[in-house]
Amino acid sequence: MVGPSSSHTAGAVRLGKMARTILGGMPERAQVILHGSFAQTGKGHGTYEALAAGLLGLNPDNERIPEALSLAAAQGLKVEFRTADLGDVHPNTVKFILTDGQERNVEVTGSSIGGGRIRIERVNEFPVEITGDYPALIVLHQDLPGVVAQVTSLLAAAQVNIAQMRVAREKKGAQALMVVETDQRVAPAAVELMHKVPAVLRALVIEPWQER
């Protein structure tokens, strides 16, 4: 680990990297909103640099973390930090508002919960619980009958066992988000088949931390 605090630096790097993964690559612009202890002591603990490092795809042990803000500028990543009260959440919570050059955008809210461990709690307006301890499949789809069954059938065909699953939707018939934590990695071929399901808008896999 690089940095004085596992929560404020190592965990912050992982939060940034997870947000980058959910977006699908490095953003061009990032609004980073810090809450609670992150907002109060983040500058002194290197949290700003750590969050930017994660957005760049660096790991918590990378010696370039203290230079992350300069690296971000050099790579064309514009990062804006501000503080706000995000409500009844963990003191070490951050919200990312990310956009890239391919008209993709995402909002990711997560917390650094101690010892470098993290928990993603919201993707856009959907409540989730992603820790990075298991492989996770995230599927954004239209809320239509049979979509969940089609996705789980593809996982079964690929011999992937579901550890836990959570589904949320904006409203009936609108967009929905499926988060499936699995015991095995989901192969790219299975994800490609999911993209062929008409109601699936996007599917991505998050690998567990220890295997990255």
N, C-alpha and C. Protein backbone atom coordinates (compact mmCIF):
# COMPACT_ATOMS: atom_id res chain seq x y z
N MET A 1 0.84 -1.20 0.00
CA MET A 1 0.00 0.00 0.00
C MET A 1 0.87 1.24 0.00
N VAL A 2 0.51 2.24 -0.79
CA VAL A 2 1.16 3.54 -0.78
C VAL A 2 0.22 4.54 -0.11
N GLY A 3 0.72 5.29 0.88
CA GLY A 3 -0.13 6.28 1.54
C GLY A 3 -0.24 6.03 3.02
N PRO A 4 -0.68 7.03 3.77
CA PRO A 4 -0.70 6.92 5.23
C PRO A 4 -1.89 6.18 5.81
N SER A 5 -2.93 5.91 5.02
CA SER A 5 -4.16 5.37 5.60
C SER A 5 -4.79 4.34 4.67
N SER A 6 -5.10 3.17 5.22
CA SER A 6 -5.75 2.14 4.39
C SER A 6 -7.13 2.58 3.95
N SER A 7 -7.83 3.32 4.79
CA SER A 7 -9.18 3.77 4.44
C SER A 7 -9.16 4.95 3.47
N HIS A 8 -8.29 5.92 3.74
CA HIS A 8 -8.30 7.16 2.96
C HIS A 8 -7.45 7.10 1.70
N THR A 9 -6.54 6.12 1.62
CA THR A 9 -5.71 6.03 0.41
C THR A 9 -5.93 4.71 -0.31
N ALA A 10 -5.62 3.58 0.31
CA ALA A 10 -5.79 2.29 -0.37
C ALA A 10 -7.25 2.07 -0.77
N GLY A 11 -8.17 2.31 0.16
CA GLY A 11 -9.59 2.15 -0.17
C GLY A 11 -10.04 3.13 -1.21
N ALA A 12 -9.50 4.35 -1.15
CA ALA A 12 -9.87 5.37 -2.13
C ALA A 12 -9.40 4.99 -3.53
N VAL A 13 -8.21 4.43 -3.64
CA VAL A 13 -7.73 3.96 -4.95
C VAL A 13 -8.69 2.91 -5.50
N ARG A 14 -9.09 1.97 -4.67
CA ARG A 14 -9.99 0.91 -5.12
C ARG A 14 -11.35 1.46 -5.52
N LEU A 15 -11.83 2.46 -4.81
CA LEU A 15 -13.10 3.08 -5.20
C LEU A 15 -13.00 3.71 -6.58
N GLY A 16 -11.91 4.44 -6.81
CA GLY A 16 -11.73 5.06 -8.12
C GLY A 16 -11.61 4.04 -9.22
N LYS A 17 -10.88 2.95 -8.95
CA LYS A 17 -10.71 1.92 -9.97
C LYS A 17 -12.02 1.20 -10.26
N MET A 18 -12.83 0.98 -9.22
CA MET A 18 -14.12 0.33 -9.42
C MET A 18 -15.04 1.22 -10.24
N ALA A 19 -15.04 2.53 -9.95
CA ALA A 19 -15.87 3.45 -10.73
C ALA A 19 -15.44 3.44 -12.19
N ARG A 20 -14.14 3.43 -12.44
CA ARG A 20 -13.61 3.36 -13.80
C ARG A 20 -14.11 2.09 -14.49
N THR A 21 -14.06 0.97 -13.78
CA THR A 21 -14.50 -0.31 -14.35
C THR A 21 -15.98 -0.27 -14.72
N ILE A 22 -16.79 0.31 -13.85
CA ILE A 22 -18.22 0.37 -14.11
C ILE A 22 -18.51 1.27 -15.31
N LEU A 23 -17.74 2.34 -15.47
CA LEU A 23 -17.89 3.19 -16.65
C LEU A 23 -17.51 2.43 -17.91
N GLY A 24 -16.48 1.58 -17.81
CA GLY A 24 -16.01 0.83 -18.97
C GLY A 24 -14.69 1.32 -19.50
N GLY A 25 -13.97 2.12 -18.74
CA GLY A 25 -12.68 2.64 -19.16
C GLY A 25 -12.39 3.95 -18.46
N MET A 26 -11.25 4.55 -18.80
CA MET A 26 -10.89 5.81 -18.15
C MET A 26 -11.81 6.93 -18.60
N PRO A 27 -12.33 7.71 -17.67
CA PRO A 27 -13.20 8.83 -18.06
C PRO A 27 -12.38 9.99 -18.63
N GLU A 28 -13.09 10.87 -19.34
CA GLU A 28 -12.47 12.13 -19.75
C GLU A 28 -12.70 13.21 -18.70
N ARG A 29 -13.86 13.15 -18.06
CA ARG A 29 -14.19 14.10 -17.01
C ARG A 29 -14.71 13.35 -15.80
N ALA A 30 -14.32 13.82 -14.62
CA ALA A 30 -14.76 13.20 -13.38
C ALA A 30 -15.09 14.27 -12.36
N GLN A 31 -16.34 14.29 -11.93
CA GLN A 31 -16.71 15.09 -10.76
C GLN A 31 -16.67 14.14 -9.56
N VAL A 32 -15.91 14.50 -8.56
CA VAL A 32 -15.71 13.64 -7.40
C VAL A 32 -16.20 14.39 -6.17
N ILE A 33 -17.24 13.85 -5.55
CA ILE A 33 -17.89 14.51 -4.41
C ILE A 33 -17.56 13.74 -3.14
N LEU A 34 -16.87 14.39 -2.21
CA LEU A 34 -16.42 13.73 -0.98
C LEU A 34 -17.34 14.07 0.18
N HIS A 35 -17.58 13.06 1.02
CA HIS A 35 -18.50 13.19 2.15
C HIS A 35 -17.76 12.87 3.45
N GLY A 36 -18.21 13.48 4.53
CA GLY A 36 -17.77 13.10 5.86
C GLY A 36 -16.28 13.22 6.09
N SER A 37 -15.67 12.14 6.59
CA SER A 37 -14.24 12.15 6.89
C SER A 37 -13.41 12.34 5.63
N PHE A 38 -13.87 11.78 4.52
CA PHE A 38 -13.17 12.02 3.25
C PHE A 38 -13.10 13.52 2.96
N ALA A 39 -14.22 14.21 3.20
CA ALA A 39 -14.26 15.65 2.92
C ALA A 39 -13.40 16.44 3.91
N GLN A 40 -13.38 16.00 5.17
CA GLN A 40 -12.70 16.77 6.21
C GLN A 40 -11.19 16.57 6.22
N THR A 41 -10.73 15.35 5.96
CA THR A 41 -9.30 15.05 6.10
C THR A 41 -8.68 14.49 4.83
N GLY A 42 -9.45 14.50 3.74
CA GLY A 42 -8.97 13.88 2.50
C GLY A 42 -7.68 14.47 1.97
N LYS A 43 -7.54 15.80 2.02
CA LYS A 43 -6.33 16.42 1.48
C LYS A 43 -5.10 15.96 2.24
N GLY A 44 -5.18 15.92 3.55
CA GLY A 44 -4.03 15.52 4.36
C GLY A 44 -3.66 14.07 4.23
N HIS A 45 -4.64 13.22 3.92
CA HIS A 45 -4.39 11.78 3.80
C HIS A 45 -4.12 11.34 2.37
N GLY A 46 -4.04 12.27 1.44
CA GLY A 46 -3.77 11.89 0.06
C GLY A 46 -4.96 11.27 -0.65
N THR A 47 -6.17 11.53 -0.14
CA THR A 47 -7.36 10.91 -0.73
C THR A 47 -7.62 11.42 -2.15
N TYR A 48 -7.37 12.69 -2.38
CA TYR A 48 -7.61 13.23 -3.72
C TYR A 48 -6.73 12.51 -4.75
N GLU A 49 -5.44 12.38 -4.41
CA GLU A 49 -4.52 11.69 -5.31
C GLU A 49 -4.92 10.21 -5.47
N ALA A 50 -5.36 9.59 -4.37
CA ALA A 50 -5.73 8.18 -4.42
C ALA A 50 -6.94 7.94 -5.31
N LEU A 51 -7.96 8.78 -5.20
CA LEU A 51 -9.15 8.64 -6.03
C LEU A 51 -8.79 8.82 -7.51
N ALA A 52 -7.95 9.82 -7.80
CA ALA A 52 -7.52 10.05 -9.18
C ALA A 52 -6.70 8.87 -9.69
N ALA A 53 -5.87 8.30 -8.82
CA ALA A 53 -5.06 7.14 -9.22
C ALA A 53 -5.94 5.97 -9.62
N GLY A 54 -7.00 5.74 -8.84
CA GLY A 54 -7.92 4.65 -9.19
C GLY A 54 -8.60 4.89 -10.53
N LEU A 55 -8.99 6.13 -10.78
CA LEU A 55 -9.62 6.46 -12.06
C LEU A 55 -8.65 6.23 -13.23
N LEU A 56 -7.35 6.36 -12.96
CA LEU A 56 -6.34 6.09 -13.97
C LEU A 56 -6.07 4.60 -14.14
N GLY A 57 -6.62 3.78 -13.23
CA GLY A 57 -6.40 2.34 -13.31
C GLY A 57 -5.24 1.83 -12.50
N LEU A 58 -4.66 2.67 -11.62
CA LEU A 58 -3.54 2.23 -10.79
C LEU A 58 -4.03 1.39 -9.62
N ASN A 59 -3.14 0.57 -9.08
CA ASN A 59 -3.43 -0.25 -7.91
C ASN A 59 -2.94 0.44 -6.64
N PRO A 60 -3.42 0.01 -5.46
CA PRO A 60 -3.06 0.69 -4.21
C PRO A 60 -1.57 0.67 -3.87
N ASP A 61 -0.78 -0.22 -4.48
CA ASP A 61 0.64 -0.29 -4.17
C ASP A 61 1.51 0.42 -5.21
N ASN A 62 0.88 1.17 -6.12
CA ASN A 62 1.65 1.84 -7.17
C ASN A 62 2.36 3.07 -6.61
N GLU A 63 3.64 3.17 -6.84
CA GLU A 63 4.43 4.27 -6.27
C GLU A 63 4.12 5.62 -6.93
N ARG A 64 3.35 5.62 -8.02
CA ARG A 64 3.02 6.88 -8.69
C ARG A 64 1.75 7.53 -8.12
N ILE A 65 1.14 6.93 -7.10
CA ILE A 65 -0.10 7.49 -6.55
C ILE A 65 0.07 8.95 -6.12
N PRO A 66 1.15 9.34 -5.44
CA PRO A 66 1.28 10.76 -5.05
C PRO A 66 1.31 11.72 -6.24
N GLU A 67 1.61 11.21 -7.44
CA GLU A 67 1.68 12.05 -8.64
C GLU A 67 0.41 11.97 -9.47
N ALA A 68 -0.64 11.33 -8.94
CA ALA A 68 -1.81 10.98 -9.76
C ALA A 68 -2.50 12.19 -10.38
N LEU A 69 -2.56 13.30 -9.67
CA LEU A 69 -3.24 14.47 -10.24
C LEU A 69 -2.49 15.00 -11.45
N SER A 70 -1.17 15.00 -11.38
CA SER A 70 -0.37 15.42 -12.53
C SER A 70 -0.49 14.41 -13.66
N LEU A 71 -0.50 13.12 -13.33
CA LEU A 71 -0.66 12.08 -14.34
C LEU A 71 -2.01 12.20 -15.03
N ALA A 72 -3.05 12.49 -14.24
CA ALA A 72 -4.39 12.64 -14.81
C ALA A 72 -4.42 13.78 -15.82
N ALA A 73 -3.83 14.90 -15.46
CA ALA A 73 -3.80 16.04 -16.37
C ALA A 73 -3.05 15.71 -17.64
N ALA A 74 -1.94 14.97 -17.50
CA ALA A 74 -1.14 14.61 -18.66
C ALA A 74 -1.88 13.65 -19.59
N GLN A 75 -2.76 12.83 -19.01
CA GLN A 75 -3.49 11.84 -19.81
C GLN A 75 -4.86 12.35 -20.26
N GLY A 76 -5.16 13.61 -20.01
CA GLY A 76 -6.40 14.20 -20.49
C GLY A 76 -7.60 13.93 -19.62
N LEU A 77 -7.38 13.50 -18.38
CA LEU A 77 -8.48 13.29 -17.45
C LEU A 77 -8.67 14.56 -16.61
N LYS A 78 -9.83 15.19 -16.74
CA LYS A 78 -10.14 16.39 -15.98
C LYS A 78 -10.93 15.99 -14.73
N VAL A 79 -10.34 16.24 -13.58
CA VAL A 79 -10.94 15.84 -12.30
C VAL A 79 -11.30 17.09 -11.50
N GLU A 80 -12.55 17.14 -11.05
CA GLU A 80 -13.02 18.24 -10.22
C GLU A 80 -13.48 17.67 -8.88
N PHE A 81 -12.90 18.17 -7.79
CA PHE A 81 -13.26 17.70 -6.45
C PHE A 81 -14.14 18.73 -5.76
N ARG A 82 -15.12 18.26 -5.02
CA ARG A 82 -15.89 19.12 -4.14
C ARG A 82 -16.42 18.29 -2.98
N THR A 83 -16.93 18.96 -1.98
CA THR A 83 -17.46 18.26 -0.81
C THR A 83 -18.96 18.51 -0.70
N ALA A 84 -19.64 17.55 -0.09
CA ALA A 84 -21.09 17.67 0.09
C ALA A 84 -21.54 16.66 1.13
N ASP A 85 -22.71 16.90 1.68
CA ASP A 85 -23.34 15.94 2.59
C ASP A 85 -24.16 14.98 1.73
N LEU A 86 -23.73 13.72 1.69
CA LEU A 86 -24.41 12.71 0.87
C LEU A 86 -25.47 11.94 1.64
N GLY A 87 -25.78 12.42 2.85
CA GLY A 87 -26.87 11.80 3.61
C GLY A 87 -26.39 10.77 4.61
N ASP A 88 -27.23 9.82 4.90
CA ASP A 88 -26.96 8.80 5.92
C ASP A 88 -26.12 7.67 5.33
N VAL A 89 -24.83 7.96 5.15
CA VAL A 89 -23.91 7.00 4.56
C VAL A 89 -22.66 6.90 5.42
N HIS A 90 -21.78 5.98 5.09
CA HIS A 90 -20.52 5.81 5.81
C HIS A 90 -19.71 7.11 5.74
N PRO A 91 -18.94 7.44 6.79
CA PRO A 91 -18.16 8.68 6.77
C PRO A 91 -17.16 8.77 5.62
N ASN A 92 -16.64 7.62 5.18
CA ASN A 92 -15.67 7.62 4.08
C ASN A 92 -16.39 7.27 2.78
N THR A 93 -17.22 8.20 2.32
CA THR A 93 -18.03 7.94 1.12
C THR A 93 -17.72 8.96 0.05
N VAL A 94 -17.78 8.52 -1.19
CA VAL A 94 -17.50 9.39 -2.33
C VAL A 94 -18.49 9.05 -3.45
N LYS A 95 -18.86 10.09 -4.18
CA LYS A 95 -19.72 9.91 -5.36
C LYS A 95 -18.95 10.39 -6.59
N PHE A 96 -18.88 9.52 -7.59
CA PHE A 96 -18.23 9.85 -8.85
C PHE A 96 -19.30 10.12 -9.90
N ILE A 97 -19.13 11.19 -10.65
CA ILE A 97 -19.96 11.46 -11.83
C ILE A 97 -18.99 11.47 -13.01
N LEU A 98 -19.05 10.42 -13.84
CA LEU A 98 -18.02 10.19 -14.85
C LEU A 98 -18.60 10.23 -16.25
N THR A 99 -17.83 10.79 -17.17
CA THR A 99 -18.18 10.76 -18.59
C THR A 99 -16.92 10.43 -19.37
N ASP A 100 -17.10 9.77 -20.53
CA ASP A 100 -15.96 9.48 -21.38
C ASP A 100 -16.18 10.06 -22.77
N GLY A 101 -15.29 9.74 -23.69
CA GLY A 101 -15.38 10.31 -25.02
C GLY A 101 -16.32 9.57 -25.95
N GLN A 102 -17.02 8.55 -25.43
CA GLN A 102 -17.93 7.75 -26.25
C GLN A 102 -19.38 7.93 -25.82
N GLU A 103 -19.66 9.07 -25.22
CA GLU A 103 -21.01 9.42 -24.77
C GLU A 103 -21.54 8.47 -23.70
N ARG A 104 -20.63 7.80 -22.99
CA ARG A 104 -21.04 6.99 -21.85
C ARG A 104 -20.89 7.84 -20.59
N ASN A 105 -21.80 7.67 -19.65
CA ASN A 105 -21.70 8.36 -18.38
C ASN A 105 -22.28 7.49 -17.30
N VAL A 106 -21.81 7.68 -16.10
CA VAL A 106 -22.27 6.87 -14.98
C VAL A 106 -22.04 7.63 -13.68
N GLU A 107 -22.90 7.37 -12.72
CA GLU A 107 -22.71 7.88 -11.36
C GLU A 107 -22.51 6.68 -10.44
N VAL A 108 -21.45 6.72 -9.66
CA VAL A 108 -21.10 5.61 -8.77
C VAL A 108 -20.85 6.16 -7.38
N THR A 109 -21.53 5.63 -6.39
CA THR A 109 -21.33 6.02 -5.00
C THR A 109 -20.81 4.82 -4.21
N GLY A 110 -19.72 5.03 -3.47
CA GLY A 110 -19.15 3.93 -2.70
C GLY A 110 -18.45 4.42 -1.45
N SER A 111 -18.13 3.48 -0.57
CA SER A 111 -17.52 3.80 0.71
C SER A 111 -16.27 2.95 0.93
N SER A 112 -15.29 3.54 1.60
CA SER A 112 -14.11 2.81 2.06
C SER A 112 -14.38 2.42 3.51
N ILE A 113 -14.54 1.13 3.75
CA ILE A 113 -15.10 0.67 5.03
C ILE A 113 -14.05 0.15 6.01
N GLY A 114 -12.76 0.35 5.70
CA GLY A 114 -11.70 -0.02 6.63
C GLY A 114 -10.79 -1.10 6.08
N GLY A 115 -9.50 -0.97 6.37
CA GLY A 115 -8.54 -1.97 5.95
C GLY A 115 -8.37 -2.07 4.45
N GLY A 116 -8.72 -1.01 3.74
CA GLY A 116 -8.62 -1.03 2.29
C GLY A 116 -9.82 -1.64 1.59
N ARG A 117 -10.78 -2.12 2.36
CA ARG A 117 -11.97 -2.75 1.77
C ARG A 117 -12.98 -1.67 1.38
N ILE A 118 -13.76 -1.96 0.36
CA ILE A 118 -14.72 -0.99 -0.15
C ILE A 118 -16.09 -1.63 -0.33
N ARG A 119 -17.08 -0.77 -0.52
CA ARG A 119 -18.43 -1.23 -0.85
C ARG A 119 -19.05 -0.21 -1.79
N ILE A 120 -19.40 -0.64 -3.00
CA ILE A 120 -20.15 0.21 -3.92
C ILE A 120 -21.62 0.09 -3.56
N GLU A 121 -22.27 1.24 -3.34
CA GLU A 121 -23.63 1.23 -2.81
C GLU A 121 -24.68 1.73 -3.79
N ARG A 122 -24.25 2.41 -4.83
CA ARG A 122 -25.23 2.92 -5.80
C ARG A 122 -24.55 3.10 -7.16
N VAL A 123 -25.23 2.66 -8.18
CA VAL A 123 -24.82 2.90 -9.57
C VAL A 123 -25.98 3.62 -10.24
N ASN A 124 -25.71 4.84 -10.69
CA ASN A 124 -26.78 5.74 -11.13
C ASN A 124 -27.80 5.85 -10.00
N GLU A 125 -29.05 5.54 -10.25
CA GLU A 125 -30.04 5.63 -9.17
C GLU A 125 -30.37 4.27 -8.57
N PHE A 126 -29.58 3.26 -8.91
CA PHE A 126 -29.88 1.91 -8.45
C PHE A 126 -29.08 1.55 -7.21
N PRO A 127 -29.73 1.08 -6.13
CA PRO A 127 -28.99 0.59 -4.97
C PRO A 127 -28.33 -0.75 -5.30
N VAL A 128 -27.06 -0.88 -4.96
CA VAL A 128 -26.31 -2.11 -5.20
C VAL A 128 -25.47 -2.41 -3.97
N GLU A 129 -24.79 -3.54 -3.98
CA GLU A 129 -23.82 -3.86 -2.94
C GLU A 129 -22.73 -4.69 -3.60
N ILE A 130 -21.65 -4.02 -3.99
CA ILE A 130 -20.54 -4.67 -4.67
C ILE A 130 -19.29 -4.42 -3.85
N THR A 131 -18.61 -5.51 -3.46
CA THR A 131 -17.43 -5.39 -2.60
C THR A 131 -16.13 -5.68 -3.33
N GLY A 132 -16.19 -6.36 -4.46
CA GLY A 132 -14.98 -6.78 -5.13
C GLY A 132 -14.40 -8.06 -4.57
N ASP A 133 -15.08 -8.70 -3.62
CA ASP A 133 -14.59 -9.95 -3.06
C ASP A 133 -14.90 -11.14 -3.97
N TYR A 134 -15.94 -11.03 -4.78
CA TYR A 134 -16.34 -12.08 -5.71
C TYR A 134 -16.36 -11.51 -7.12
N PRO A 135 -16.24 -12.38 -8.14
CA PRO A 135 -16.54 -11.90 -9.48
C PRO A 135 -17.98 -11.38 -9.51
N ALA A 136 -18.21 -10.28 -10.19
CA ALA A 136 -19.55 -9.70 -10.24
C ALA A 136 -19.92 -9.37 -11.68
N LEU A 137 -21.14 -9.71 -12.04
CA LEU A 137 -21.69 -9.38 -13.34
C LEU A 137 -22.71 -8.26 -13.15
N ILE A 138 -22.56 -7.18 -13.89
CA ILE A 138 -23.51 -6.07 -13.84
C ILE A 138 -24.20 -5.98 -15.19
N VAL A 139 -25.53 -6.02 -15.17
CA VAL A 139 -26.31 -5.98 -16.41
C VAL A 139 -27.32 -4.85 -16.33
N LEU A 140 -27.20 -3.88 -17.22
CA LEU A 140 -28.20 -2.82 -17.36
C LEU A 140 -29.16 -3.24 -18.46
N HIS A 141 -30.45 -3.24 -18.15
CA HIS A 141 -31.41 -3.77 -19.12
C HIS A 141 -32.76 -3.08 -18.97
N GLN A 142 -33.59 -3.28 -19.97
CA GLN A 142 -34.97 -2.81 -19.87
C GLN A 142 -35.75 -3.76 -18.96
N ASP A 143 -36.63 -3.22 -18.19
CA ASP A 143 -37.43 -4.03 -17.26
C ASP A 143 -38.56 -4.71 -18.03
N LEU A 144 -38.22 -5.87 -18.59
CA LEU A 144 -39.18 -6.64 -19.38
C LEU A 144 -39.22 -8.08 -18.86
N PRO A 145 -40.34 -8.76 -18.99
CA PRO A 145 -40.43 -10.14 -18.53
C PRO A 145 -39.40 -11.04 -19.23
N GLY A 146 -38.78 -11.91 -18.44
CA GLY A 146 -37.89 -12.91 -19.01
C GLY A 146 -36.44 -12.55 -19.11
N VAL A 147 -36.08 -11.28 -18.89
CA VAL A 147 -34.67 -10.88 -19.05
C VAL A 147 -33.80 -11.53 -17.98
N VAL A 148 -34.23 -11.51 -16.74
CA VAL A 148 -33.46 -12.12 -15.66
C VAL A 148 -33.28 -13.61 -15.93
N ALA A 149 -34.33 -14.26 -16.38
CA ALA A 149 -34.26 -15.69 -16.67
C ALA A 149 -33.27 -15.98 -17.80
N GLN A 150 -33.26 -15.13 -18.82
CA GLN A 150 -32.32 -15.33 -19.92
C GLN A 150 -30.88 -15.19 -19.46
N VAL A 151 -30.61 -14.18 -18.64
CA VAL A 151 -29.25 -13.98 -18.15
C VAL A 151 -28.81 -15.13 -17.26
N THR A 152 -29.65 -15.54 -16.34
CA THR A 152 -29.28 -16.64 -15.45
C THR A 152 -29.14 -17.96 -16.21
N SER A 153 -29.92 -18.14 -17.26
CA SER A 153 -29.79 -19.34 -18.09
C SER A 153 -28.43 -19.37 -18.79
N LEU A 154 -27.98 -18.21 -19.26
CA LEU A 154 -26.66 -18.14 -19.89
C LEU A 154 -25.55 -18.43 -18.88
N LEU A 155 -25.72 -17.98 -17.63
CA LEU A 155 -24.74 -18.30 -16.60
C LEU A 155 -24.73 -19.80 -16.31
N ALA A 156 -25.91 -20.41 -16.24
CA ALA A 156 -25.98 -21.85 -15.99
C ALA A 156 -25.32 -22.63 -17.12
N ALA A 157 -25.56 -22.20 -18.36
CA ALA A 157 -24.96 -22.88 -19.51
C ALA A 157 -23.44 -22.77 -19.49
N ALA A 158 -22.94 -21.68 -18.92
CA ALA A 158 -21.49 -21.48 -18.82
C ALA A 158 -20.91 -22.10 -17.55
N GLN A 159 -21.72 -22.83 -16.81
CA GLN A 159 -21.28 -23.50 -15.58
C GLN A 159 -20.81 -22.50 -14.53
N VAL A 160 -21.53 -21.39 -14.43
CA VAL A 160 -21.22 -20.36 -13.44
C VAL A 160 -22.30 -20.39 -12.36
N ASN A 161 -21.87 -20.55 -11.11
CA ASN A 161 -22.81 -20.62 -10.00
C ASN A 161 -23.02 -19.24 -9.38
N ILE A 162 -24.27 -18.90 -9.09
CA ILE A 162 -24.61 -17.60 -8.52
C ILE A 162 -24.46 -17.64 -7.01
N ALA A 163 -23.65 -16.72 -6.47
CA ALA A 163 -23.48 -16.61 -5.02
C ALA A 163 -24.60 -15.76 -4.42
N GLN A 164 -24.86 -14.62 -5.02
CA GLN A 164 -25.98 -13.79 -4.63
C GLN A 164 -26.34 -12.85 -5.77
N MET A 165 -27.56 -12.33 -5.70
CA MET A 165 -28.06 -11.55 -6.82
C MET A 165 -29.00 -10.46 -6.30
N ARG A 166 -28.94 -9.31 -6.97
CA ARG A 166 -29.83 -8.21 -6.60
C ARG A 166 -30.30 -7.52 -7.87
N VAL A 167 -31.57 -7.23 -7.93
CA VAL A 167 -32.16 -6.56 -9.08
C VAL A 167 -32.91 -5.32 -8.60
N ALA A 168 -32.70 -4.19 -9.29
CA ALA A 168 -33.42 -2.96 -8.97
C ALA A 168 -33.87 -2.32 -10.27
N ARG A 169 -34.92 -1.52 -10.20
CA ARG A 169 -35.42 -0.85 -11.40
C ARG A 169 -35.85 0.57 -11.06
N GLU A 170 -35.84 1.43 -12.10
CA GLU A 170 -36.31 2.80 -11.91
C GLU A 170 -37.81 2.80 -11.64
N LYS A 171 -38.53 2.13 -12.50
CA LYS A 171 -39.97 1.93 -12.37
C LYS A 171 -40.37 0.83 -13.34
N LYS A 172 -41.57 0.35 -13.25
CA LYS A 172 -42.03 -0.74 -14.10
C LYS A 172 -41.87 -0.38 -15.58
N GLY A 173 -41.18 -1.27 -16.31
CA GLY A 173 -40.99 -1.07 -17.73
C GLY A 173 -39.86 -0.15 -18.12
N ALA A 174 -39.20 0.47 -17.13
CA ALA A 174 -38.09 1.38 -17.42
C ALA A 174 -36.77 0.61 -17.35
N GLN A 175 -35.66 1.32 -17.09
CA GLN A 175 -34.39 0.63 -16.99
C GLN A 175 -34.27 -0.09 -15.66
N ALA A 176 -33.53 -1.19 -15.67
CA ALA A 176 -33.28 -1.97 -14.46
C ALA A 176 -31.81 -2.36 -14.43
N LEU A 177 -31.33 -2.70 -13.24
CA LEU A 177 -29.94 -3.10 -13.07
C LEU A 177 -29.90 -4.41 -12.30
N MET A 178 -29.15 -5.35 -12.83
CA MET A 178 -28.98 -6.65 -12.23
C MET A 178 -27.51 -6.78 -11.80
N VAL A 179 -27.27 -7.11 -10.54
CA VAL A 179 -25.91 -7.35 -10.05
C VAL A 179 -25.86 -8.79 -9.55
N VAL A 180 -25.00 -9.59 -10.16
CA VAL A 180 -24.89 -11.01 -9.83
C VAL A 180 -23.46 -11.30 -9.40
N GLU A 181 -23.28 -11.67 -8.14
CA GLU A 181 -21.97 -12.14 -7.68
C GLU A 181 -21.90 -13.64 -7.87
N THR A 182 -20.78 -14.12 -8.39
CA THR A 182 -20.67 -15.52 -8.80
C THR A 182 -19.46 -16.19 -8.16
N ASP A 183 -19.48 -17.52 -8.16
CA ASP A 183 -18.35 -18.28 -7.61
C ASP A 183 -17.23 -18.46 -8.62
N GLN A 184 -17.57 -18.35 -9.90
CA GLN A 184 -16.58 -18.49 -10.95
C GLN A 184 -16.57 -17.22 -11.81
N ARG A 185 -15.50 -17.02 -12.53
CA ARG A 185 -15.44 -15.91 -13.47
C ARG A 185 -16.46 -16.13 -14.59
N VAL A 186 -17.03 -15.05 -15.06
CA VAL A 186 -17.94 -15.11 -16.21
C VAL A 186 -17.10 -14.86 -17.46
N ALA A 187 -17.05 -15.85 -18.34
CA ALA A 187 -16.20 -15.77 -19.52
C ALA A 187 -16.70 -14.70 -20.49
N PRO A 188 -15.79 -14.08 -21.23
CA PRO A 188 -16.20 -13.07 -22.21
C PRO A 188 -17.23 -13.59 -23.21
N ALA A 189 -17.15 -14.87 -23.56
CA ALA A 189 -18.11 -15.43 -24.52
C ALA A 189 -19.53 -15.37 -23.97
N ALA A 190 -19.68 -15.61 -22.65
CA ALA A 190 -21.01 -15.56 -22.04
C ALA A 190 -21.52 -14.11 -22.01
N VAL A 191 -20.64 -13.17 -21.74
CA VAL A 191 -21.04 -11.76 -21.73
C VAL A 191 -21.46 -11.32 -23.14
N GLU A 192 -20.75 -11.81 -24.14
CA GLU A 192 -21.10 -11.48 -25.53
C GLU A 192 -22.50 -11.98 -25.86
N LEU A 193 -22.85 -13.18 -25.38
CA LEU A 193 -24.19 -13.71 -25.62
C LEU A 193 -25.24 -12.86 -24.91
N MET A 194 -24.91 -12.35 -23.74
CA MET A 194 -25.86 -11.49 -23.02
C MET A 194 -26.15 -10.22 -23.80
N HIS A 195 -25.14 -9.69 -24.47
CA HIS A 195 -25.35 -8.49 -25.27
C HIS A 195 -26.28 -8.74 -26.46
N LYS A 196 -26.50 -10.00 -26.79
CA LYS A 196 -27.40 -10.33 -27.89
C LYS A 196 -28.86 -10.45 -27.44
N VAL A 197 -29.07 -10.44 -26.12
CA VAL A 197 -30.44 -10.42 -25.60
C VAL A 197 -31.01 -9.02 -25.88
N PRO A 198 -32.11 -8.91 -26.60
CA PRO A 198 -32.59 -7.60 -27.07
C PRO A 198 -32.76 -6.55 -25.97
N ALA A 199 -33.18 -6.96 -24.78
CA ALA A 199 -33.45 -5.99 -23.72
C ALA A 199 -32.20 -5.58 -22.95
N VAL A 200 -31.07 -6.26 -23.17
CA VAL A 200 -29.84 -5.94 -22.45
C VAL A 200 -29.16 -4.75 -23.11
N LEU A 201 -28.92 -3.70 -22.33
CA LEU A 201 -28.27 -2.50 -22.83
C LEU A 201 -26.76 -2.57 -22.66
N ARG A 202 -26.33 -3.18 -21.57
CA ARG A 202 -24.90 -3.28 -21.31
C ARG A 202 -24.65 -4.34 -20.25
N ALA A 203 -23.58 -5.12 -20.44
CA ALA A 203 -23.18 -6.12 -19.45
C ALA A 203 -21.67 -6.04 -19.27
N LEU A 204 -21.23 -6.09 -18.03
CA LEU A 204 -19.79 -6.06 -17.76
C LEU A 204 -19.48 -6.92 -16.55
N VAL A 205 -18.23 -7.34 -16.48
CA VAL A 205 -17.77 -8.21 -15.39
C VAL A 205 -16.73 -7.46 -14.58
N ILE A 206 -16.85 -7.53 -13.26
CA ILE A 206 -15.84 -6.98 -12.34
C ILE A 206 -15.12 -8.15 -11.69
N GLU A 207 -13.81 -8.20 -11.87
CA GLU A 207 -13.02 -9.29 -11.29
C GLU A 207 -12.76 -9.03 -9.81
N PRO A 208 -12.58 -10.09 -9.01
CA PRO A 208 -12.27 -9.89 -7.59
C PRO A 208 -10.91 -9.25 -7.41
N TRP A 209 -10.74 -8.49 -6.33
CA TRP A 209 -9.52 -7.72 -6.12
C TRP A 209 -8.27 -8.58 -6.13
N GLN A 210 -8.31 -9.73 -5.44
CA GLN A 210 -7.10 -10.52 -5.28
C GLN A 210 -6.61 -11.10 -6.61
N GLU A 211 -7.42 -11.04 -7.63
CA GLU A 211 -7.03 -11.63 -8.91
C GLU A 211 -6.66 -10.58 -9.94
N ARG A 212 -6.62 -9.31 -9.57
CA ARG A 212 -6.33 -8.27 -10.55
C ARG A 212 -4.85 -8.03 -10.68
